[in-house]
C-alpha atoms as a PDB file:
ATOM      1  CA  MET A   1     -28.774-118.846 -50.835  1.00  0.00           C
ATOM      2  CA  GLU A   2     -30.361-116.554 -48.314  1.00  0.00           C
ATOM      3  CA  ILE A   3     -32.702-113.829 -49.527  1.00  0.00           C
ATOM      4  CA  LYS A   4     -32.092-110.354 -48.131  1.00  0.00           C
ATOM      5  CA  ILE A   5     -34.558-107.493 -47.857  1.00  0.00           C
ATOM      6  CA  LEU A   6     -33.339-103.993 -48.635  1.00  0.00           C
ATOM      7  CA  TRP A   7     -35.427-100.864 -48.213  1.00  0.00           C
ATOM      8  CA  THR A   8     -34.993 -98.131 -50.823  1.00  0.00           C
ATOM      9  CA  LYS A   9     -34.607 -94.507 -49.832  1.00  0.00           C
ATOM     10  CA  GLU A  10     -38.135 -93.885 -51.116  1.00  0.00           C
ATOM     11  CA  ALA A  11     -39.586 -96.663 -48.934  1.00  0.00           C
ATOM     12  CA  LEU A  12     -37.755 -95.414 -45.851  1.00  0.00           C
ATOM     13  CA  GLU A  13     -39.060 -91.900 -46.508  1.00  0.00           C
ATOM     14  CA  ARG A  14     -42.627 -93.236 -46.685  1.00  0.00           C
ATOM     15  CA  LEU A  15     -42.144 -95.067 -43.367  1.00  0.00           C
ATOM     16  CA  LYS A  16     -40.887 -91.819 -41.888  1.00  0.00           C
ATOM     17  CA  ASP A  17     -43.969 -90.008 -43.231  1.00  0.00           C
ATOM     18  CA  ILE A  18     -46.252 -92.656 -41.730  1.00  0.00           C
ATOM     19  CA  PHE A  19     -44.469 -92.387 -38.386  1.00  0.00           C
ATOM     20  CA  ASN A  20     -44.656 -88.582 -38.380  1.00  0.00           C
ATOM     21  CA  TYR A  21     -48.330 -88.554 -39.291  1.00  0.00           C
ATOM     22  CA  TYR A  22     -49.387 -91.025 -36.594  1.00  0.00           C
ATOM     23  CA  SER A  23     -47.126 -89.542 -33.933  1.00  0.00           C
ATOM     24  CA  GLU A  24     -48.950 -86.213 -34.431  1.00  0.00           C
ATOM     25  CA  ASP A  25     -52.439 -87.590 -35.141  1.00  0.00           C
ATOM     26  CA  ALA A  26     -52.349 -90.332 -32.478  1.00  0.00           C
ATOM     27  CA  THR A  27     -49.307 -91.045 -30.282  1.00  0.00           C
ATOM     28  CA  ILE A  28     -45.654 -91.951 -30.736  1.00  0.00           C
ATOM     29  CA  LYS A  29     -46.448 -95.417 -29.394  1.00  0.00           C
ATOM     30  CA  VAL A  30     -49.135 -95.945 -32.057  1.00  0.00           C
ATOM     31  CA  ALA A  31     -46.763 -94.655 -34.745  1.00  0.00           C
ATOM     32  CA  GLN A  32     -43.954 -96.968 -33.630  1.00  0.00           C
ATOM     33  CA  LYS A  33     -46.256 -99.977 -33.481  1.00  0.00           C
ATOM     34  CA  LEU A  34     -47.567 -99.372 -37.017  1.00  0.00           C
ATOM     35  CA  VAL A  35     -44.130 -98.856 -38.572  1.00  0.00           C
ATOM     36  CA  ILE A  36     -42.753-101.951 -36.837  1.00  0.00           C
ATOM     37  CA  GLU A  37     -45.749-103.950 -38.021  1.00  0.00           C
ATOM     38  CA  ILE A  38     -45.191-102.841 -41.634  1.00  0.00           C
ATOM     39  CA  VAL A  39     -41.466-103.681 -41.500  1.00  0.00           C
ATOM     40  CA  ASP A  40     -42.046-107.036 -39.798  1.00  0.00           C
ATOM     41  CA  PHE A  41     -44.746-107.903 -42.339  1.00  0.00           C
ATOM     42  CA  THR A  42     -42.071-108.068 -45.054  1.00  0.00           C
ATOM     43  CA  ASP A  43     -40.230-110.898 -43.249  1.00  0.00           C
ATOM     44  CA  VAL A  44     -42.409-113.414 -45.094  1.00  0.00           C
ATOM     45  CA  LEU A  45     -40.588-112.458 -48.309  1.00  0.00           C
ATOM     46  CA  VAL A  46     -37.398-114.143 -47.089  1.00  0.00           C
ATOM     47  CA  THR A  47     -39.033-117.558 -47.365  1.00  0.00           C
ATOM     48  CA  HIS A  48     -41.775-116.754 -49.911  1.00  0.00           C
ATOM     49  CA  PRO A  49     -40.527-113.978 -52.220  1.00  0.00           C
ATOM     50  CA  GLU A  50     -43.284-114.503 -54.791  1.00  0.00           C
ATOM     51  CA  ILE A  51     -46.131-114.371 -52.265  1.00  0.00           C
ATOM     52  CA  GLY A  52     -47.157-110.839 -53.217  1.00  0.00           C
ATOM     53  CA  SER A  53     -49.533-110.193 -56.085  1.00  0.00           C
ATOM     54  CA  ILE A  54     -48.209-108.556 -59.220  1.00  0.00           C
ATOM     55  CA  GLU A  55     -48.922-104.830 -58.991  1.00  0.00           C
ATOM     56  CA  GLU A  56     -51.328-104.201 -61.866  1.00  0.00           C
ATOM     57  CA  LEU A  57     -50.755-100.446 -61.854  1.00  0.00           C
ATOM     58  CA  LEU A  58     -47.045-100.991 -62.512  1.00  0.00           C
ATOM     59  CA  LYS A  59     -47.263-103.700 -65.181  1.00  0.00           C
ATOM     60  CA  GLY A  60     -45.082-103.178 -68.223  1.00  0.00           C
ATOM     61  CA  ARG A  61     -42.198-101.689 -66.265  1.00  0.00           C
ATOM     62  CA  LYS A  62     -38.656-103.039 -66.473  1.00  0.00           C
ATOM     63  CA  LYS A  63     -39.055-104.553 -63.019  1.00  0.00           C
ATOM     64  CA  GLU A  64     -41.852-106.899 -62.003  1.00  0.00           C
ATOM     65  CA  TYR A  65     -43.381-105.064 -59.067  1.00  0.00           C
ATOM     66  CA  ARG A  66     -45.381-107.039 -56.537  1.00  0.00           C
ATOM     67  CA  HIS A  67     -47.205-105.953 -53.400  1.00  0.00           C
ATOM     68  CA  LEU A  68     -48.224-107.072 -49.958  1.00  0.00           C
ATOM     69  CA  ILE A  69     -51.066-105.462 -48.029  1.00  0.00           C
ATOM     70  CA  CYS A  70     -50.546-104.550 -44.387  1.00  0.00           C
ATOM     71  CA  LYS A  71     -53.469-102.680 -42.835  1.00  0.00           C
ATOM     72  CA  ASN A  72     -54.091 -99.698 -45.167  1.00  0.00           C
ATOM     73  CA  TYR A  73     -50.680 -99.905 -46.829  1.00  0.00           C
ATOM     74  CA  LYS A  74     -49.377-101.541 -49.980  1.00  0.00           C
ATOM     75  CA  ILE A  75     -45.777-102.594 -49.629  1.00  0.00           C
ATOM     76  CA  ILE A  76     -44.440-102.459 -53.187  1.00  0.00           C
ATOM     77  CA  TYR A  77     -41.365-104.550 -53.945  1.00  0.00           C
ATOM     78  CA  TRP A  78     -39.339-106.228 -56.659  1.00  0.00           C
ATOM     79  CA  ARG A  79     -36.834-109.039 -56.655  1.00  0.00           C
ATOM     80  CA  GLU A  80     -33.383-109.194 -58.210  1.00  0.00           C
ATOM     81  CA  ASN A  81     -31.677-112.526 -57.665  1.00  0.00           C
ATOM     82  CA  ASN A  82     -31.536-113.016 -53.885  1.00  0.00           C
ATOM     83  CA  ILE A  83     -32.429-109.468 -52.935  1.00  0.00           C
ATOM     84  CA  ILE A  84     -35.930-108.148 -52.324  1.00  0.00           C
ATOM     85  CA  TYR A  85     -36.069-104.370 -52.744  1.00  0.00           C
ATOM     86  CA  ILE A  86     -38.907-102.611 -50.955  1.00  0.00           C
ATOM     87  CA  ALA A  87     -39.685 -99.814 -53.424  1.00  0.00           C
ATOM     88  CA  THR A  88     -42.286 -97.876 -51.475  1.00  0.00           C
ATOM     89  CA  VAL A  89     -45.109 -98.068 -48.972  1.00  0.00           C
ATOM     90  CA  PHE A  90     -48.323 -96.670 -50.408  1.00  0.00           C
ATOM     91  CA  ASP A  91     -51.427 -95.682 -48.454  1.00  0.00           C
ATOM     92  CA  THR A  92     -54.291 -97.486 -50.205  1.00  0.00           C
ATOM     93  CA  ARG A  93     -56.667 -94.696 -49.241  1.00  0.00           C
ATOM     94  CA  ARG A  94     -54.871 -92.398 -51.684  1.00  0.00           C
ATOM     95  CA  ASN A  95     -55.649 -92.078 -55.368  1.00  0.00           C
ATOM     96  CA  PRO A  96     -54.034 -95.098 -57.092  1.00  0.00           C
ATOM     97  CA  LYS A  97     -52.907 -92.872 -59.971  1.00  0.00           C
ATOM     98  CA  LYS A  98     -50.406 -91.328 -57.548  1.00  0.00           C
ATOM     99  CA  LEU A  99     -48.698 -94.710 -57.185  1.00  0.00           C
ATOM    100  CA  LYS A 100     -48.398 -95.137 -60.934  1.00  0.00           C
ATOM    101  CA  LYS A 101     -47.137 -91.596 -61.379  1.00  0.00           C
ATOM    102  CA  GLY A 102     -44.654 -91.797 -58.487  1.00  0.00           C
ATOM    103  CA  MET A 103     -42.945 -95.028 -59.565  1.00  0.00           C
ATOM    104  CA  LYS A 104     -40.363 -94.817 -62.320  1.00  0.00           C
END
C-alpha cells in the first residue's frame, strides 16, 4: 500500500507565514525556494515513515508525533495507517514551549 502525505490546515498556514516573511524580508524567489525545499523534504516519509525522531515535547499525546529538521524548521507529523499528516512546521529559533502549547 502506498503512503500518502497530507498537510493539515495548520501546517499550510505555517508554510504561508514562512513564505510571507521571506518574501518581505528577502525576495519572493528566496521564499519560494525555501517553501519548496520544506515540502520536498517530506517526500522521504513515503518510503521511510518512521525516519523522524519522536517529538519529545509532544510525548504523552494521543498521537505519536515525530519530526524532521529542514534548515531552521521542524516538520512535525504523525502517521495513521498509510497516511502521514504534517501537523505543523515550527521555526526552531522560537521558544519550544510555543510548540507544546500550540499542539493539541
